[in-house]
């Protein structure tokens, strides 16, 4: 397993094809999820509020740091993928697609 760290100088296509950014082995045991609650990037604010409320932790979204918030000019990630890349990503991350109901 190769976990992507740092910068990458190749094309996005090469990155997707040649790197295995697989994380499910960190939160699956015997092919079953071992996490009580997931904080998903696409629902970061909502999920942080839920977990902080459950843990009775004071939470202020204004204190959440924002990195690379203007990194991509085009926010629609789907434009970066052709059918081949979609299939590669799906095959590498099938468990996450199924667990979270992700679709392209």
N, C-alpha and C. Protein backbone atom coordinates (compact mmCIF):
# COMPACT_ATOMS: atom_id res chain seq x y z
N UNK A 1 0.85 -1.18 0.00
CA UNK A 1 0.00 0.00 0.00
C UNK A 1 0.89 1.24 0.00
N UNK A 2 0.59 2.17 -0.89
CA UNK A 2 1.29 3.44 -0.96
C UNK A 2 0.31 4.52 -0.58
N UNK A 3 0.65 5.31 0.39
CA UNK A 3 -0.20 6.43 0.78
C UNK A 3 0.48 7.69 0.29
N UNK A 4 -0.24 8.47 -0.49
CA UNK A 4 0.31 9.67 -1.10
C UNK A 4 0.64 10.71 -0.05
N UNK A 5 1.86 11.21 -0.11
CA UNK A 5 2.31 12.28 0.78
C UNK A 5 3.14 13.25 -0.04
N UNK A 6 3.02 14.51 0.26
CA UNK A 6 3.86 15.50 -0.39
C UNK A 6 3.34 15.91 -1.76
N UNK A 7 4.24 16.50 -2.54
CA UNK A 7 3.84 16.98 -3.85
C UNK A 7 4.04 15.89 -4.89
N UNK A 8 3.37 16.05 -6.00
CA UNK A 8 3.44 15.09 -7.10
C UNK A 8 3.62 15.88 -8.37
N UNK A 9 4.63 15.53 -9.16
CA UNK A 9 4.95 16.34 -10.33
C UNK A 9 4.38 15.80 -11.63
N UNK A 10 3.78 14.60 -11.62
CA UNK A 10 3.21 14.03 -12.83
C UNK A 10 1.82 14.57 -13.11
N UNK A 11 1.20 14.02 -14.14
CA UNK A 11 -0.15 14.45 -14.50
C UNK A 11 -1.17 13.84 -13.53
N UNK A 12 -2.34 14.43 -13.50
CA UNK A 12 -3.42 13.91 -12.66
C UNK A 12 -3.76 12.48 -13.10
N UNK A 13 -3.79 12.26 -14.41
CA UNK A 13 -4.06 10.93 -14.96
C UNK A 13 -3.06 9.92 -14.42
N UNK A 14 -1.77 10.23 -14.46
CA UNK A 14 -0.73 9.32 -13.95
C UNK A 14 -0.88 9.10 -12.44
N UNK A 15 -1.20 10.16 -11.73
CA UNK A 15 -1.39 10.05 -10.29
C UNK A 15 -2.49 9.05 -9.96
N UNK A 16 -3.63 9.18 -10.61
CA UNK A 16 -4.76 8.29 -10.34
C UNK A 16 -4.41 6.86 -10.71
N UNK A 17 -3.78 6.67 -11.85
CA UNK A 17 -3.45 5.32 -12.32
C UNK A 17 -2.37 4.65 -11.47
N UNK A 18 -1.39 5.40 -11.01
CA UNK A 18 -0.19 4.79 -10.43
C UNK A 18 -0.08 4.85 -8.92
N UNK A 19 -0.97 5.53 -8.25
CA UNK A 19 -0.89 5.65 -6.80
C UNK A 19 -2.08 4.98 -6.12
N UNK A 20 -1.78 4.33 -5.04
CA UNK A 20 -2.82 3.68 -4.26
C UNK A 20 -3.00 4.45 -2.96
N UNK A 21 -3.85 5.45 -3.00
CA UNK A 21 -4.17 6.24 -1.80
C UNK A 21 -5.31 5.55 -1.08
N UNK A 22 -5.04 4.38 -0.59
CA UNK A 22 -6.09 3.55 0.03
C UNK A 22 -6.04 3.75 1.54
N UNK A 23 -7.15 4.18 2.09
CA UNK A 23 -7.22 4.44 3.53
C UNK A 23 -8.14 3.48 4.27
N UNK A 24 -8.98 2.73 3.56
CA UNK A 24 -9.97 1.92 4.27
C UNK A 24 -9.33 0.90 5.19
N UNK A 25 -8.08 0.52 4.93
CA UNK A 25 -7.42 -0.43 5.83
C UNK A 25 -7.20 0.19 7.21
N UNK A 26 -7.31 1.49 7.30
CA UNK A 26 -7.17 2.17 8.59
C UNK A 26 -8.44 2.10 9.42
N UNK A 27 -9.58 1.94 8.79
CA UNK A 27 -10.83 1.95 9.54
C UNK A 27 -11.73 0.76 9.23
N UNK A 28 -11.18 -0.28 8.66
CA UNK A 28 -11.88 -1.55 8.46
C UNK A 28 -11.08 -2.66 9.12
N UNK A 29 -11.75 -3.53 9.85
CA UNK A 29 -11.12 -4.71 10.42
C UNK A 29 -11.95 -5.90 9.95
N UNK A 30 -11.28 -6.88 9.39
CA UNK A 30 -11.98 -8.06 8.84
C UNK A 30 -13.12 -7.65 7.91
N UNK A 31 -12.82 -6.68 7.08
CA UNK A 31 -13.76 -6.19 6.06
C UNK A 31 -15.01 -5.53 6.64
N UNK A 32 -14.94 -5.07 7.89
CA UNK A 32 -16.06 -4.37 8.52
C UNK A 32 -15.56 -3.05 9.11
N UNK A 33 -16.38 -2.03 9.00
CA UNK A 33 -16.03 -0.73 9.54
C UNK A 33 -15.91 -0.80 11.06
N UNK A 34 -14.87 -0.19 11.61
CA UNK A 34 -14.67 -0.18 13.07
C UNK A 34 -14.74 1.25 13.62
N UNK A 35 -15.41 2.13 12.92
CA UNK A 35 -15.52 3.53 13.29
C UNK A 35 -16.95 3.82 13.76
N UNK A 36 -17.08 4.55 14.86
CA UNK A 36 -18.39 4.93 15.37
C UNK A 36 -19.02 6.07 14.56
N UNK A 37 -18.18 6.99 14.09
CA UNK A 37 -18.69 8.14 13.37
C UNK A 37 -17.62 8.65 12.41
N UNK A 38 -18.01 8.92 11.19
CA UNK A 38 -17.09 9.45 10.19
C UNK A 38 -17.31 10.94 10.03
N UNK A 39 -16.24 11.68 10.00
CA UNK A 39 -16.30 13.10 9.64
C UNK A 39 -15.88 13.17 8.18
N UNK A 40 -16.85 13.47 7.34
CA UNK A 40 -16.62 13.47 5.90
C UNK A 40 -16.28 14.88 5.44
N UNK A 41 -15.29 14.98 4.58
CA UNK A 41 -14.84 16.29 4.12
C UNK A 41 -15.97 17.07 3.48
N UNK A 42 -16.78 16.39 2.69
CA UNK A 42 -17.84 17.09 1.97
C UNK A 42 -18.97 17.57 2.89
N UNK A 43 -18.99 17.08 4.13
CA UNK A 43 -19.95 17.53 5.14
C UNK A 43 -19.20 17.94 6.41
N UNK A 44 -18.05 18.54 6.24
CA UNK A 44 -17.15 18.83 7.36
C UNK A 44 -17.83 19.60 8.48
N UNK A 45 -18.47 20.70 8.15
CA UNK A 45 -19.09 21.53 9.19
C UNK A 45 -20.20 20.77 9.91
N UNK A 46 -21.08 20.13 9.15
CA UNK A 46 -22.19 19.38 9.77
C UNK A 46 -21.68 18.25 10.65
N UNK A 47 -20.72 17.50 10.15
CA UNK A 47 -20.22 16.35 10.91
C UNK A 47 -19.45 16.78 12.15
N UNK A 48 -18.69 17.86 12.06
CA UNK A 48 -17.99 18.37 13.24
C UNK A 48 -19.00 18.82 14.30
N UNK A 49 -20.05 19.49 13.87
CA UNK A 49 -21.08 19.92 14.82
C UNK A 49 -21.70 18.71 15.52
N UNK A 50 -21.99 17.65 14.76
CA UNK A 50 -22.61 16.46 15.34
C UNK A 50 -21.70 15.80 16.38
N UNK A 51 -20.44 15.61 16.02
CA UNK A 51 -19.54 14.91 16.94
C UNK A 51 -19.25 15.77 18.17
N UNK A 52 -19.10 17.07 17.99
CA UNK A 52 -18.86 17.95 19.14
C UNK A 52 -20.06 17.99 20.07
N UNK A 53 -21.26 17.99 19.49
CA UNK A 53 -22.47 17.96 20.31
C UNK A 53 -22.54 16.67 21.10
N UNK A 54 -22.26 15.57 20.44
CA UNK A 54 -22.32 14.27 21.11
C UNK A 54 -21.30 14.17 22.24
N UNK A 55 -20.13 14.78 22.05
CA UNK A 55 -19.07 14.75 23.06
C UNK A 55 -19.15 15.92 24.03
N UNK A 56 -20.16 16.77 23.84
CA UNK A 56 -20.34 17.94 24.70
C UNK A 56 -19.10 18.86 24.67
N UNK A 57 -18.64 19.13 23.47
CA UNK A 57 -17.48 19.99 23.26
C UNK A 57 -17.97 21.28 22.60
N UNK A 58 -17.52 22.40 23.11
CA UNK A 58 -17.89 23.68 22.51
C UNK A 58 -17.26 23.77 21.13
N UNK A 59 -18.01 24.27 20.17
CA UNK A 59 -17.58 24.28 18.78
C UNK A 59 -17.89 25.62 18.13
N UNK A 60 -16.89 26.19 17.47
CA UNK A 60 -17.08 27.45 16.74
C UNK A 60 -16.50 27.28 15.35
N UNK A 61 -17.35 27.20 14.34
CA UNK A 61 -16.91 26.97 12.96
C UNK A 61 -15.96 28.07 12.49
N UNK A 62 -16.06 29.25 13.04
CA UNK A 62 -15.20 30.35 12.62
C UNK A 62 -13.74 30.13 13.00
N UNK A 63 -13.49 29.22 13.92
CA UNK A 63 -12.11 28.92 14.32
C UNK A 63 -11.49 27.79 13.49
N UNK A 64 -12.29 27.19 12.63
CA UNK A 64 -11.79 26.13 11.77
C UNK A 64 -10.91 26.74 10.68
N UNK A 65 -9.67 26.29 10.61
CA UNK A 65 -8.75 26.81 9.61
C UNK A 65 -9.13 26.30 8.23
N UNK A 66 -8.88 27.12 7.22
CA UNK A 66 -9.19 26.74 5.84
C UNK A 66 -7.91 26.78 5.02
N UNK A 67 -7.59 25.63 4.48
CA UNK A 67 -6.41 25.52 3.64
C UNK A 67 -6.83 25.17 2.22
N UNK A 68 -6.18 25.76 1.25
CA UNK A 68 -6.42 25.49 -0.17
C UNK A 68 -7.88 25.70 -0.56
N UNK A 69 -8.56 26.60 0.10
CA UNK A 69 -9.97 26.81 -0.21
C UNK A 69 -10.17 27.42 -1.59
N UNK A 70 -9.16 28.04 -2.13
CA UNK A 70 -9.23 28.60 -3.48
C UNK A 70 -8.26 27.91 -4.42
N UNK A 71 -7.90 26.67 -4.11
CA UNK A 71 -6.89 25.93 -4.86
C UNK A 71 -7.34 25.61 -6.28
N UNK A 72 -8.57 25.16 -6.45
CA UNK A 72 -9.09 24.80 -7.77
C UNK A 72 -10.06 25.87 -8.23
N UNK A 73 -9.84 26.33 -9.46
CA UNK A 73 -10.76 27.32 -10.01
C UNK A 73 -12.09 26.68 -10.33
N UNK A 74 -12.06 25.44 -10.83
CA UNK A 74 -13.29 24.72 -11.15
C UNK A 74 -13.59 23.77 -10.01
N UNK A 75 -14.67 24.01 -9.29
CA UNK A 75 -15.01 23.23 -8.09
C UNK A 75 -15.64 21.88 -8.41
N UNK A 76 -16.05 21.65 -9.66
CA UNK A 76 -16.69 20.38 -10.03
C UNK A 76 -15.61 19.34 -10.31
N UNK A 77 -15.37 18.46 -9.33
CA UNK A 77 -14.32 17.46 -9.45
C UNK A 77 -14.56 16.50 -10.62
N UNK A 78 -15.80 16.33 -11.03
CA UNK A 78 -16.12 15.37 -12.09
C UNK A 78 -15.47 15.73 -13.42
N UNK A 79 -15.16 17.00 -13.63
CA UNK A 79 -14.56 17.42 -14.89
C UNK A 79 -13.12 16.92 -15.04
N UNK A 80 -12.51 16.46 -13.95
CA UNK A 80 -11.15 15.97 -13.99
C UNK A 80 -11.06 14.50 -14.41
N UNK A 81 -12.19 13.81 -14.50
CA UNK A 81 -12.21 12.37 -14.71
C UNK A 81 -12.89 11.98 -16.02
N UNK A 82 -12.21 11.12 -16.80
CA UNK A 82 -12.89 10.48 -17.92
C UNK A 82 -13.41 9.14 -17.43
N UNK A 83 -14.04 8.36 -18.29
CA UNK A 83 -14.65 7.09 -17.87
C UNK A 83 -13.60 6.12 -17.32
N UNK A 84 -12.41 6.08 -17.93
CA UNK A 84 -11.37 5.17 -17.46
C UNK A 84 -10.92 5.54 -16.04
N UNK A 85 -10.69 6.83 -15.80
CA UNK A 85 -10.26 7.25 -14.46
C UNK A 85 -11.35 7.02 -13.43
N UNK A 86 -12.60 7.23 -13.81
CA UNK A 86 -13.71 6.95 -12.88
C UNK A 86 -13.69 5.49 -12.46
N UNK A 87 -13.48 4.59 -13.41
CA UNK A 87 -13.47 3.16 -13.10
C UNK A 87 -12.29 2.80 -12.22
N UNK A 88 -11.13 3.39 -12.50
CA UNK A 88 -9.93 3.13 -11.68
C UNK A 88 -10.18 3.55 -10.24
N UNK A 89 -10.71 4.75 -10.06
CA UNK A 89 -10.98 5.26 -8.71
C UNK A 89 -12.02 4.38 -8.03
N UNK A 90 -13.06 4.01 -8.74
CA UNK A 90 -14.09 3.15 -8.15
C UNK A 90 -13.49 1.81 -7.71
N UNK A 91 -12.70 1.21 -8.58
CA UNK A 91 -12.10 -0.09 -8.25
C UNK A 91 -11.18 0.00 -7.02
N UNK A 92 -10.44 1.09 -6.91
CA UNK A 92 -9.51 1.25 -5.78
C UNK A 92 -10.25 1.61 -4.49
N UNK A 93 -11.41 2.23 -4.58
CA UNK A 93 -12.11 2.75 -3.40
C UNK A 93 -13.55 2.25 -3.32
N UNK A 94 -13.78 1.05 -3.79
CA UNK A 94 -15.13 0.49 -3.82
C UNK A 94 -15.79 0.50 -2.44
N UNK A 95 -15.04 0.17 -1.42
CA UNK A 95 -15.61 0.13 -0.06
C UNK A 95 -16.13 1.50 0.36
N UNK A 96 -15.39 2.56 0.07
CA UNK A 96 -15.83 3.90 0.42
C UNK A 96 -17.06 4.31 -0.39
N UNK A 97 -17.07 3.95 -1.68
CA UNK A 97 -18.24 4.25 -2.51
C UNK A 97 -19.48 3.59 -1.92
N UNK A 98 -19.35 2.34 -1.51
CA UNK A 98 -20.48 1.62 -0.95
C UNK A 98 -20.87 2.14 0.43
N UNK A 99 -19.89 2.38 1.28
CA UNK A 99 -20.15 2.83 2.65
C UNK A 99 -20.85 4.18 2.68
N UNK A 100 -20.39 5.12 1.85
CA UNK A 100 -20.91 6.49 1.90
C UNK A 100 -21.90 6.80 0.78
N UNK A 101 -22.16 5.84 -0.10
CA UNK A 101 -23.10 6.07 -1.19
C UNK A 101 -22.57 7.03 -2.23
N UNK A 102 -21.25 7.07 -2.40
CA UNK A 102 -20.64 7.99 -3.37
C UNK A 102 -20.95 7.56 -4.79
N UNK A 103 -21.07 8.55 -5.66
CA UNK A 103 -21.28 8.36 -7.10
C UNK A 103 -20.54 9.46 -7.81
N UNK A 104 -20.17 9.19 -9.05
CA UNK A 104 -19.55 10.24 -9.87
C UNK A 104 -20.63 11.09 -10.48
